[in-house]
C-alpha atoms as a PDB file:
ATOM      1  CA  MET A   1     -12.456   8.145 -14.654  1.00  0.00           C
ATOM      2  CA  THR A   2     -13.335  11.546 -14.056  1.00  0.00           C
ATOM      3  CA  PRO A   3     -11.289  13.702 -11.710  1.00  0.00           C
ATOM      4  CA  ARG A   4     -13.466  13.086  -8.260  1.00  0.00           C
ATOM      5  CA  ASN A   5     -13.127   9.550  -8.667  1.00  0.00           C
ATOM      6  CA  LYS A   6      -9.805   9.252 -10.105  1.00  0.00           C
ATOM      7  CA  HIS A   7      -8.498  11.334  -6.452  1.00  0.00           C
ATOM      8  CA  GLU A   8     -11.046   8.510  -4.777  1.00  0.00           C
ATOM      9  CA  ALA A   9      -9.339   5.637  -5.599  1.00  0.00           C
ATOM     10  CA  PHE A  10      -5.874   6.616  -5.908  1.00  0.00           C
ATOM     11  CA  ASP A  11      -6.743   7.334  -2.610  1.00  0.00           C
ATOM     12  CA  GLU A  12      -8.424   4.377  -1.277  1.00  0.00           C
ATOM     13  CA  ALA A  13      -5.489   2.671  -2.947  1.00  0.00           C
ATOM     14  CA  GLU A  14      -3.172   4.637  -0.453  1.00  0.00           C
ATOM     15  CA  ARG A  15      -5.672   3.181   2.042  1.00  0.00           C
ATOM     16  CA  ILE A  16      -4.998  -0.418   1.078  1.00  0.00           C
ATOM     17  CA  LEU A  17      -1.740   0.198   1.377  1.00  0.00           C
ATOM     18  CA  ASP A  18      -1.481   2.257   4.616  1.00  0.00           C
ATOM     19  CA  CYS A  19      -3.997  -1.126   6.246  1.00  0.00           C
ATOM     20  CA  TYR A  20      -0.984  -3.906   4.283  1.00  0.00           C
ATOM     21  CA  ILE A  21       1.605  -1.585   6.044  1.00  0.00           C
ATOM     22  CA  SER A  22      -0.126  -2.040   9.274  1.00  0.00           C
ATOM     23  CA  TYR A  23       0.154  -5.784   9.080  1.00  0.00           C
ATOM     24  CA  VAL A  24       3.612  -5.901   8.614  1.00  0.00           C
ATOM     25  CA  VAL A  25       4.312  -3.985  11.668  1.00  0.00           C
ATOM     26  CA  PHE A  26       2.294  -6.163  13.905  1.00  0.00           C
ATOM     27  CA  ARG A  27       3.567  -9.335  12.104  1.00  0.00           C
ATOM     28  CA  ILE A  28       0.371 -10.403  10.409  1.00  0.00           C
ATOM     29  CA  LEU A  29       2.026 -10.240   7.220  1.00  0.00           C
ATOM     30  CA  THR A  30       5.731 -10.738   5.996  1.00  0.00           C
ATOM     31  CA  PHE A  31       6.774  -7.408   3.971  1.00  0.00           C
ATOM     32  CA  ASN A  32       7.253 -10.060   0.500  1.00  0.00           C
ATOM     33  CA  GLU A  33       3.714 -11.269   1.737  1.00  0.00           C
ATOM     34  CA  ALA A  34       2.617  -7.758   2.191  1.00  0.00           C
ATOM     35  CA  VAL A  35       3.939  -7.147  -1.554  1.00  0.00           C
ATOM     36  CA  GLU A  36       2.452  -9.899  -3.165  1.00  0.00           C
ATOM     37  CA  ASP A  37      -0.684  -9.284  -1.859  1.00  0.00           C
ATOM     38  CA  LEU A  38      -0.733  -5.675  -2.795  1.00  0.00           C
ATOM     39  CA  LEU A  39       0.537  -6.953  -6.428  1.00  0.00           C
ATOM     40  CA  ALA A  40      -2.258  -8.807  -6.733  1.00  0.00           C
ATOM     41  CA  ASN A  41      -4.895  -6.001  -5.942  1.00  0.00           C
ATOM     42  CA  ASN A  42      -5.747  -4.433  -8.707  1.00  0.00           C
ATOM     43  CA  LYS A  43      -7.381  -1.036  -7.163  1.00  0.00           C
ATOM     44  CA  VAL A  44      -3.557  -0.900  -5.863  1.00  0.00           C
ATOM     45  CA  THR A  45      -1.420  -1.974  -9.196  1.00  0.00           C
ATOM     46  CA  LEU A  46      -3.890   0.855 -10.955  1.00  0.00           C
ATOM     47  CA  PHE A  47      -1.406   3.634  -9.235  1.00  0.00           C
ATOM     48  CA  PHE A  48       1.394   1.992  -8.010  1.00  0.00           C
ATOM     49  CA  THR A  49       4.785  -0.553  -9.330  1.00  0.00           C
ATOM     50  CA  LYS A  50       5.598  -3.235  -7.727  1.00  0.00           C
ATOM     51  CA  ASP A  51       9.008  -0.894  -7.503  1.00  0.00           C
ATOM     52  CA  GLU A  52       6.922   2.118  -5.971  1.00  0.00           C
ATOM     53  CA  ILE A  53       4.899  -0.397  -3.165  1.00  0.00           C
ATOM     54  CA  GLU A  54       8.415  -2.005  -1.987  1.00  0.00           C
ATOM     55  CA  ALA A  55       9.600   1.883  -1.691  1.00  0.00           C
ATOM     56  CA  VAL A  56       6.752   3.487   0.313  1.00  0.00           C
ATOM     57  CA  MET A  57       6.718   0.482   2.519  1.00  0.00           C
ATOM     58  CA  SER A  58      10.234   0.173   2.823  1.00  0.00           C
ATOM     59  CA  PHE A  59       9.798   4.039   3.432  1.00  0.00           C
ATOM     60  CA  GLU A  60       7.309   4.323   5.783  1.00  0.00           C
ATOM     61  CA  LEU A  61       8.335   0.898   8.049  1.00  0.00           C
ATOM     62  CA  GLN A  62      11.946   3.078   8.442  1.00  0.00           C
ATOM     63  CA  LYS A  63      10.210   5.972   9.634  1.00  0.00           C
ATOM     64  CA  GLY A  64       8.379   3.981  11.913  1.00  0.00           C
ATOM     65  CA  HIS A  65       4.791   3.885  10.665  1.00  0.00           C
ATOM     66  CA  THR A  66       1.953   4.911  13.177  1.00  0.00           C
ATOM     67  CA  VAL A  67      -1.606   3.488  12.100  1.00  0.00           C
ATOM     68  CA  GLN A  68      -3.368   6.079  11.248  1.00  0.00           C
END
């Protein structure tokens, strides 16, 4: 993976994570369902562990995440 592709892949993983945070905010999924789905996504788990996913989601939800 080239540096540019790695950055693009990381950006995509972050977009997916943001999308799932929105699903939790709008009560489409529970927190646990979102974490499970994200752990099943290879693009996300390439960059984030379960603990990191949970930490990012918790932080964003506590600060009052707004959809970008």
